[in-house]
Protein backbone atom coordinates (compact mmCIF):
# COMPACT_ATOMS: atom_id res chain seq x y z
CA MET A 1 23.74 -14.78 -11.51
CA LYS A 2 22.60 -16.60 -8.35
CA VAL A 3 19.92 -15.08 -6.12
CA LEU A 4 18.87 -15.97 -2.58
CA PHE A 5 15.33 -14.73 -1.87
CA ALA A 6 14.95 -14.09 1.86
CA PHE A 7 11.40 -14.02 3.21
CA GLU A 8 10.79 -13.65 6.94
CA ASN A 9 7.25 -15.07 7.20
CA PRO A 10 6.03 -18.70 6.99
CA LEU A 11 4.35 -20.16 3.93
CA PRO A 12 1.74 -20.93 2.77
CA SER A 13 0.02 -17.65 3.59
CA ASN A 14 -3.01 -15.71 2.40
CA GLU A 15 -1.35 -12.37 3.13
CA ALA A 16 -0.72 -9.96 0.25
CA ASP A 17 2.96 -9.58 1.15
CA ALA A 18 3.47 -13.32 0.67
CA GLU A 19 1.75 -13.24 -2.73
CA VAL A 20 3.84 -10.30 -3.91
CA PHE A 21 7.17 -11.69 -2.74
CA THR A 22 6.74 -15.33 -3.79
CA THR A 23 5.18 -14.51 -7.16
CA THR A 24 7.91 -11.99 -7.95
CA ALA A 25 10.53 -14.55 -6.89
CA ARG A 26 8.99 -17.28 -9.04
CA TYR A 27 8.98 -15.14 -12.17
CA LEU A 28 12.33 -13.52 -11.45
CA ALA A 29 13.95 -16.95 -11.03
CA ARG A 30 13.46 -17.49 -14.77
CA HIS A 31 15.98 -14.73 -15.41
CA VAL A 32 18.80 -15.99 -13.17
CA GLN A 33 21.16 -18.95 -13.16
CA GLN A 34 20.11 -20.34 -9.77
CA SER A 35 17.81 -19.33 -6.93
CA TRP A 36 16.75 -20.38 -3.44
CA LEU A 37 14.11 -19.22 -0.97
CA HIS A 38 15.14 -18.75 2.67
CA LEU A 39 12.20 -18.70 5.09
CA PRO A 40 11.10 -19.92 8.53
CA LEU A 41 9.06 -23.11 8.84
CA ALA A 42 7.26 -24.48 11.85
CA ALA A 43 8.85 -27.50 13.49
CA GLY A 44 7.81 -30.66 11.68
CA THR A 45 6.59 -28.75 8.62
CA ALA A 46 7.81 -30.02 5.25
CA ALA A 47 9.47 -27.58 2.90
CA GLU A 48 7.80 -28.96 -0.25
CA PRO A 49 4.58 -26.84 -0.13
CA ALA A 50 6.62 -23.62 0.13
CA ALA A 51 8.96 -24.83 -2.61
CA ARG A 52 5.99 -25.42 -4.92
CA ILE A 53 4.63 -21.95 -4.22
CA ALA A 54 7.95 -20.26 -4.97
CA GLY A 55 9.09 -22.63 -7.70
CA MET A 56 12.57 -23.08 -6.19
CA PRO A 57 14.39 -24.98 -3.43
CA VAL A 58 13.69 -23.85 0.13
CA VAL A 59 16.38 -23.14 2.71
CA ARG A 60 14.89 -23.56 6.17
CA ALA A 61 15.68 -20.54 8.36
CA TRP A 62 17.22 -21.16 11.76
CA ALA A 63 14.43 -19.23 13.39
CA PRO A 64 11.19 -20.07 15.25
CA VAL A 65 7.86 -19.16 13.73
CA ARG A 66 6.80 -17.46 16.98
CA PRO A 67 7.20 -14.92 18.43
CA ALA A 68 7.35 -12.77 15.30
CA ALA A 69 9.97 -10.33 16.64
CA LEU A 70 12.39 -13.16 17.45
CA ARG A 71 11.66 -14.76 14.06
CA HIS A 72 12.60 -11.59 12.21
CA LEU A 73 15.70 -11.07 14.32
CA LEU A 74 17.01 -14.61 13.82
CA CYS A 75 16.17 -14.72 10.11
CA GLY A 76 18.66 -11.91 9.63
CA LEU A 77 21.27 -13.06 12.16
CA THR A 78 21.48 -16.67 10.96
CA LEU A 79 21.00 -16.13 7.22
CA ILE A 80 24.61 -15.07 6.76
CA PHE A 81 25.89 -18.45 7.98
CA ARG A 82 24.06 -20.48 5.37
CA ARG A 83 25.90 -22.07 2.48
CA GLU A 84 23.39 -20.67 -0.04
CA PHE A 85 24.07 -17.17 1.28
CA ARG A 86 27.77 -17.55 0.49
CA ARG A 87 26.96 -18.90 -2.98
CA ALA A 88 24.53 -16.12 -3.87
CA ASP A 89 25.51 -13.05 -5.86
CA ILE A 90 22.39 -11.14 -4.80
CA ILE A 91 20.23 -11.23 -1.65
CA TYR A 92 16.66 -10.24 -2.54
CA THR A 93 14.62 -9.24 0.50
CA ARG A 94 11.71 -7.16 1.78
CA ASN A 95 13.22 -6.83 5.26
CA LEU A 96 15.53 -3.92 6.15
CA TRP A 97 17.20 -5.91 8.94
CA VAL A 98 18.00 -8.76 6.55
CA ALA A 99 19.30 -6.22 4.03
CA TRP A 100 21.56 -4.65 6.65
CA MET A 101 23.00 -7.98 7.80
CA SER A 102 23.59 -9.04 4.20
CA VAL A 103 25.42 -5.82 3.36
CA LEU A 104 27.61 -6.21 6.45
CA ALA A 105 28.37 -9.79 5.37
CA ARG A 106 29.60 -8.47 2.00
CA ARG A 107 26.67 -9.45 -0.19
CA ARG A 108 24.88 -7.19 -2.66
CA VAL A 109 21.24 -6.52 -1.84
CA VAL A 110 18.02 -5.73 -3.67
CA PHE A 111 15.21 -4.49 -1.43
CA ASP A 112 11.54 -4.79 -2.51
CA HIS A 113 8.79 -3.27 -0.36
CA TYR A 114 5.77 -0.99 -0.61
CA ARG A 115 6.17 0.96 2.64
CA PRO A 116 8.06 4.28 2.96
CA TRP A 117 9.70 3.11 6.19
CA GLY A 118 11.54 6.34 6.95
CA ASP A 119 8.31 8.29 6.76
CA GLN A 120 6.39 5.81 8.91
CA ILE A 121 9.04 5.22 11.60
CA PRO A 122 11.14 8.42 11.51
CA PRO A 123 13.77 7.42 14.15
CA LEU A 124 15.03 4.94 11.51
CA GLN A 125 15.68 7.63 8.89
CA PHE A 126 19.43 8.07 9.40
CA TRP A 127 20.02 4.30 9.49
CA ILE A 128 17.85 3.79 6.37
CA HIS A 129 19.80 6.51 4.58
CA ARG A 130 23.14 4.87 5.47
CA LEU A 131 21.91 1.46 4.36
CA HIS A 132 20.62 2.72 1.00
CA CYS A 133 23.83 4.63 0.32
CA HIS A 134 26.06 1.64 0.95
CA PRO A 135 27.85 0.47 -2.23
CA ARG A 136 26.52 -3.07 -1.84
CA PHE A 137 22.91 -1.89 -1.56
CA LEU A 138 22.00 -2.01 -5.26
CA LEU A 139 18.31 -1.18 -5.53
CA ASN A 140 15.12 -0.35 -3.71
CA ILE A 141 12.19 -1.63 -5.78
CA CYS A 142 9.34 0.66 -4.72
CA HIS A 143 5.78 -0.43 -5.50
CA SER A 144 4.61 3.13 -6.10
CA ASP A 145 6.01 6.51 -7.04
CA TYR A 146 4.52 7.76 -3.77
CA THR A 147 6.98 5.55 -1.84
CA ARG A 148 9.87 6.32 -4.19
CA ARG A 149 9.47 10.06 -3.57
CA LYS A 150 9.53 9.48 0.20
CA TYR A 151 12.95 7.82 -0.09
CA LEU A 152 14.16 10.62 -2.36
CA ASP A 153 13.23 13.07 0.40
CA LEU A 154 15.64 11.14 2.67
CA GLY A 155 18.51 11.91 0.32
CA VAL A 156 18.70 8.41 -1.15
CA PRO A 157 20.23 8.59 -4.65
CA ALA A 158 17.62 8.42 -7.41
CA ALA A 159 19.69 5.79 -9.25
CA LYS A 160 18.94 3.32 -6.46
CA LEU A 161 15.19 3.95 -6.39
CA HIS A 162 12.88 2.49 -9.01
CA CYS A 163 9.11 2.29 -9.09
CA VAL A 164 8.10 -1.15 -10.39
CA ARG A 165 4.47 -1.72 -9.58
CA ASN A 166 2.90 -5.03 -8.61
CA GLY A 167 0.93 -7.08 -11.08
CA PHE A 168 -1.65 -9.75 -11.66
CA GLU A 169 -1.71 -13.32 -12.90
CA PRO A 170 -3.55 -13.48 -16.28
CA ALA A 171 -4.39 -17.15 -15.69
CA ARG A 172 -6.74 -16.10 -12.88
CA LEU A 173 -9.01 -14.43 -15.47
CA GLN A 174 -8.53 -16.88 -18.32
CA ALA A 175 -12.20 -17.79 -18.81
CA PRO A 176 -14.30 -14.58 -18.66
CA VAL A 177 -17.95 -15.02 -17.79
CA ALA A 178 -20.82 -12.64 -18.59
CA PRO A 179 -22.07 -10.76 -15.51
CA GLU A 180 -25.51 -12.39 -15.68
CA THR A 181 -23.99 -15.89 -15.79
CA ALA A 182 -21.53 -15.14 -12.99
CA LYS A 183 -24.34 -13.76 -10.82
CA ARG A 184 -26.33 -16.97 -11.24
CA GLN A 185 -23.26 -18.99 -10.26
CA ILE A 186 -23.05 -17.22 -6.91
CA GLY A 187 -26.80 -17.21 -6.28
CA VAL A 188 -27.63 -13.65 -7.30
CA ARG A 189 -30.44 -12.60 -9.64
CA PRO A 190 -29.05 -11.72 -13.11
CA ASP A 191 -30.80 -8.31 -13.05
CA GLN A 192 -29.52 -7.39 -9.59
CA ALA A 193 -27.05 -4.48 -9.61
CA THR A 194 -23.91 -5.45 -7.71
CA VAL A 195 -20.90 -3.75 -6.16
CA VAL A 196 -18.11 -6.19 -5.29
CA TYR A 197 -15.14 -5.74 -2.97
CA THR A 198 -12.47 -8.42 -2.55
CA GLY A 199 -9.81 -8.37 0.16
CA ARG A 200 -9.42 -8.16 3.90
CA LEU A 201 -12.55 -7.22 5.83
CA ASN A 202 -11.23 -5.03 8.62
CA HIS A 203 -11.27 -1.47 9.92
CA LYS A 204 -8.06 -0.58 8.05
CA LYS A 205 -9.61 -0.80 4.57
CA GLY A 206 -12.18 2.02 4.73
CA LEU A 207 -15.09 -0.42 4.63
CA ASP A 208 -17.13 1.58 7.14
CA LEU A 209 -17.59 4.09 4.31
CA VAL A 210 -18.88 1.29 2.06
CA LEU A 211 -21.41 0.17 4.67
CA GLN A 212 -22.70 3.74 4.93
CA ALA A 213 -23.10 3.89 1.15
CA ALA A 214 -24.98 0.58 1.19
CA ARG A 215 -27.48 2.05 3.61
CA ILE A 216 -28.23 4.86 1.14
CA LEU A 217 -28.42 2.47 -1.85
CA PRO A 218 -30.80 -0.30 -0.71
CA ASP A 219 -31.49 -1.51 -4.27
CA ILE A 220 -27.83 -2.35 -4.92
CA LEU A 221 -26.27 -5.54 -3.55
CA PHE A 222 -22.86 -5.04 -1.94
CA ILE A 223 -20.80 -8.24 -1.91
CA LEU A 224 -17.77 -8.14 0.38
CA VAL A 225 -15.48 -11.11 -0.25
CA GLY A 226 -12.66 -12.01 2.12
CA SER A 227 -14.09 -12.58 5.59
CA THR A 228 -11.96 -14.72 7.90
CA GLY A 229 -14.54 -14.89 10.67
CA PRO A 230 -16.54 -12.65 12.99
CA GLY A 231 -15.22 -9.11 13.23
CA PRO A 232 -16.32 -5.46 13.38
CA ILE A 233 -17.23 -5.24 9.68
CA GLU A 234 -19.19 -8.48 9.81
CA SER A 235 -21.06 -7.22 12.89
CA MET A 236 -21.87 -3.88 11.27
CA ALA A 237 -23.19 -5.67 8.17
CA ALA A 238 -25.31 -8.19 10.09
CA GLY A 239 -28.99 -8.06 9.18
CA ARG A 240 -28.47 -5.74 6.21
CA ARG A 241 -30.35 -7.29 3.29
CA ASN A 242 -28.29 -5.58 0.60
CA ILE A 243 -24.90 -6.61 2.05
CA ARG A 244 -23.53 -10.10 1.56
CA ILE A 245 -20.44 -11.15 3.49
CA VAL A 246 -18.49 -13.94 1.77
CA ALA A 247 -15.67 -15.93 3.33
CA PHE A 248 -12.16 -15.71 1.94
CA ARG A 249 -11.98 -17.32 -1.49
CA PRO A 250 -8.93 -18.92 -3.14
CA ASP A 251 -7.86 -17.83 -6.60
CA ALA A 252 -9.80 -20.65 -8.27
CA THR A 253 -13.19 -19.29 -7.15
CA LEU A 254 -12.52 -15.60 -6.56
CA ALA A 255 -12.95 -14.83 -10.26
CA GLN A 256 -16.62 -15.83 -10.03
CA TYR A 257 -17.27 -12.88 -7.74
CA ILE A 258 -15.17 -10.48 -9.81
CA PHE A 259 -17.08 -11.37 -12.97
CA ALA A 260 -20.38 -10.99 -11.09
CA ALA A 261 -19.64 -7.32 -10.41
CA ASP A 262 -21.31 -4.40 -12.09
CA ILE A 263 -18.74 -2.36 -10.17
CA LEU A 264 -15.47 -3.46 -8.59
CA LEU A 265 -14.79 -1.34 -5.54
CA ILE A 266 -11.61 0.02 -3.98
CA PRO A 267 -12.95 1.79 -0.87
CA PRO A 268 -12.31 5.51 -1.46
CA SER A 269 -10.63 6.26 1.84
CA HIS A 270 -7.37 7.82 2.99
CA LYS A 271 -7.30 5.41 5.95
CA PRO A 272 -5.26 2.55 4.43
CA LEU A 273 -2.55 4.98 3.31
CA ALA A 274 -2.71 7.89 5.74
CA THR A 275 -3.92 6.38 9.03
CA PHE A 276 -2.57 2.84 9.01
CA GLY A 277 0.11 2.93 6.31
CA SER A 278 -0.75 -0.68 5.58
CA THR A 279 -1.74 -0.28 1.94
CA VAL A 280 -0.06 1.62 -0.86
CA LEU A 281 -1.61 0.85 -4.25
CA PRO A 282 -3.75 -2.15 -3.22
CA LEU A 283 -2.83 -5.41 -4.91
CA LYS A 284 -6.42 -6.06 -6.00
CA LEU A 285 -6.30 -2.99 -8.25
CA PHE A 286 -4.26 -4.75 -10.94
CA LEU A 287 -6.54 -7.78 -11.11
CA TYR A 288 -9.56 -5.47 -11.21
CA MET A 289 -8.10 -3.58 -14.17
CA ALA A 290 -7.75 -6.75 -16.22
CA SER A 291 -11.21 -8.09 -15.38
CA GLY A 292 -13.32 -6.14 -17.87
CA ARG A 293 -15.43 -4.67 -15.08
CA PRO A 294 -15.59 -0.95 -14.21
CA ILE A 295 -13.72 0.24 -11.12
CA VAL A 296 -14.86 2.79 -8.56
CA GLY A 297 -12.07 3.95 -6.25
CA GLY A 298 -10.71 6.88 -4.31
CA ASP A 299 -8.90 9.93 -5.64
CA THR A 300 -5.87 9.26 -3.41
CA PRO A 301 -2.21 9.94 -4.29
CA ASP A 302 -1.25 6.29 -4.76
CA VAL A 303 -4.32 5.25 -6.76
CA ARG A 304 -3.96 8.31 -9.03
CA GLU A 305 -0.64 6.90 -10.26
CA VAL A 306 -2.56 4.16 -12.10
CA LEU A 307 -6.20 5.21 -12.37
CA THR A 308 -7.58 8.37 -13.97
CA HIS A 309 -11.08 9.67 -13.33
CA ARG A 310 -13.53 8.93 -16.16
CA CYS A 311 -10.71 7.42 -18.22
CA ASN A 312 -10.09 3.96 -16.73
CA ALA A 313 -12.05 4.32 -13.48
CA TRP A 314 -14.44 6.52 -11.56
CA LEU A 315 -12.59 8.21 -8.71
CA CYS A 316 -14.45 9.62 -5.71
CA ARG A 317 -13.49 12.20 -3.14
CA PRO A 318 -11.83 10.26 -0.31
CA ASP A 319 -13.82 9.61 2.87
CA CYS A 320 -16.95 11.20 1.43
CA VAL A 321 -20.05 9.01 1.46
CA ALA A 322 -21.97 11.34 -0.86
CA SER A 323 -19.17 11.19 -3.45
CA LEU A 324 -19.06 7.39 -3.26
CA VAL A 325 -22.83 7.11 -3.61
CA GLY A 326 -22.75 9.50 -6.57
CA GLY A 327 -19.97 7.51 -8.23
CA ILE A 328 -21.80 4.21 -7.86
CA ARG A 329 -24.99 5.71 -9.26
CA ALA A 330 -23.11 7.29 -12.17
CA VAL A 331 -21.44 4.03 -13.25
CA ILE A 332 -24.47 1.79 -12.64
CA GLY A 333 -26.70 4.22 -14.51
CA ASP A 334 -24.50 4.76 -17.57
CA ARG A 335 -23.63 1.55 -19.39
CA ALA A 336 -21.59 3.36 -22.03
CA LEU A 337 -19.44 4.99 -19.36
CA ALA A 338 -19.03 1.68 -17.51
CA SER A 339 -17.99 -0.13 -20.68
CA ARG A 340 -15.57 2.61 -21.70
CA ILE A 341 -13.66 2.85 -18.42
CA ALA A 342 -13.56 -0.95 -18.07
CA ALA A 343 -12.16 -1.36 -21.59
CA GLN A 344 -9.48 1.30 -21.00
CA ALA A 345 -8.47 -0.29 -17.71
CA GLY A 346 -8.06 -3.60 -19.53
CA LEU A 347 -5.77 -1.99 -22.09
CA ASP A 348 -3.75 -0.29 -19.36
CA SER A 349 -3.30 -3.59 -17.49
CA ARG A 350 -1.40 -5.33 -20.30
CA ASP A 351 1.99 -4.26 -18.95
CA LEU A 352 1.05 -4.85 -15.32
CA THR A 353 1.51 -8.62 -15.13
CA TRP A 354 3.86 -10.38 -12.71
CA ASP A 355 5.91 -11.53 -15.69
CA ALA A 356 6.38 -7.93 -16.86
CA ARG A 357 7.34 -6.88 -13.33
CA ALA A 358 9.99 -9.60 -13.08
CA ARG A 359 11.45 -8.72 -16.48
CA ARG A 360 11.83 -5.08 -15.47
CA ILE A 361 13.44 -5.97 -12.13
CA ALA A 362 15.82 -8.40 -13.87
CA GLU A 363 16.91 -5.62 -16.23
CA LEU A 364 17.53 -3.25 -13.32
CA ILE A 365 19.53 -5.83 -11.37
CA ALA A 366 21.68 -6.67 -14.39
CA ALA A 367 22.41 -3.00 -15.09
CA ASN A 368 23.23 -2.13 -11.48
CA ALA A 369 25.22 -5.28 -10.78
CA ALA A 370 27.45 -4.51 -13.75
CA ALA A 371 28.04 -0.90 -12.67
CA GLN A 372 31.05 0.10 -10.59
CA PRO A 373 30.02 0.10 -6.89
CA ARG A 374 30.17 3.53 -5.32
CA ARG A 375 28.99 5.24 -2.17
CA HIS A 376 26.88 8.28 -2.84
CA GLY A 377 24.10 10.29 -1.28
CA GLN A 378 24.44 12.99 1.36
CA TRP A 379 22.82 13.51 4.73
CA SER A 380 22.45 17.26 5.20
CA ALA A 381 21.56 19.55 8.09
CA ARG A 382 18.09 19.78 6.59
CA HIS A 383 17.71 16.00 6.83
CA SER A 384 18.82 16.12 10.49
CA ARG A 385 16.23 18.76 11.33
CA THR A 386 13.49 16.78 9.58
CA TRP A 387 14.65 13.60 11.33
CA LEU A 388 14.44 15.20 14.78
CA ARG A 389 11.12 16.93 14.11
CA GLN A 390 9.40 13.84 12.69
CA SER A 391 10.88 11.59 15.39
CA GLY A 392 9.30 13.87 17.99
CA ARG A 393 5.96 13.59 16.24
CA TRP A 394 6.38 9.82 16.08
CA LEU A 395 7.13 9.51 19.80
CA ALA A 396 4.10 11.64 20.70
CA HIS A 397 1.93 9.57 18.34
CA LEU A 398 3.24 6.30 19.82
CA ALA A 399 2.57 7.48 23.36
CA ARG A 400 -0.92 8.65 22.49
CA THR A 401 -2.12 5.77 20.28
CA ARG A 402 0.32 2.85 20.89
CA ALA A 403 0.60 2.68 17.09
CA TRP A 404 4.09 2.30 15.58
CA VAL A 405 3.26 3.83 12.18
CA LEU A 406 3.23 7.61 11.97
CA PRO A 407 0.51 8.91 9.64
CA PRO A 408 1.84 11.19 6.89
CA ALA A 409 1.11 14.88 6.67
CA PRO A 410 -2.36 15.66 5.24
CA LEU A 411 -2.70 14.09 1.82
CA ALA A 412 -3.76 16.05 -1.25
């Protein structure tokens, strides 16, 4: 089987979507006969760095890097004219437009994305339903069961929807370091209690809640790793003695901060999922689980798929500072509890590697590619009513906030 991986953003990139797509492609390529990566490159940029990242030859897209809308449009329009496209048995993409163009050009498609697009941009629901029900649309690889259920609600056949969660790279944690040693390495006293967050430092991640908790817990050092320069979170943290802002760290040095944590933090907020729709099951979660450090997170629908309160993590009531403060105190103050939930998370992470993810996807592709193509799935009157109602909500939300993503109904 020959696979053309189509990615619509330039590489190299520090964005999570680039890590997910290129790492999945690199591991999945081991299970196929031949593979290529189609992506846009800036004029004068060599393809070799991107080829090294993905571990396969790069096909330069006939598309400019900027503006982004034109880049996305042309990546889909011109892809179908490439020789590698005609040679490929499968087009593997995270872009619905690329998937649609590929299906129209008589290629089978596997789609891999974390967002429930029909829920977030409801006017697209009927088109998304038609695309998913096309015989040449083989699979939607959802990153969470939360997203899979949203597509099921659209009437997409269950056989085309599979939850295959993201993973982590074991090599990033190959040389574990004791917390006291790791703290010394980053200039922290060995006896200083620490809460560590790694990832983007912006208003979409629920970090305002973390800063409030830090104000109540002055004896605990909060280390926020991932700053890319001055911003609202950096300004709010300025002058706070128990908050340390650390610039973005590459994989080679990020582990130092993870191992220096008494608690690894996933901000317990509905905002990333419900308000911005930009995060479903954060990628850092899987690395955290394998680190041997206890996790404190939020009791949100996506996180609950992987983490269980007092079993492999401590889960707090979302958007509640008191609950977060109580959770941090509980884990810091009970070493037996911290050790137990960290150990269980480590055990649970064994099947959550990128290699395991690629193997599962390869099995699904092989099974579906061998099956007889058929069109199935039905758009009912109920779907039409939901489509119209949610599209109205979306238009009102867009007019009021200028935000394209419609927040979901209140989350449980």
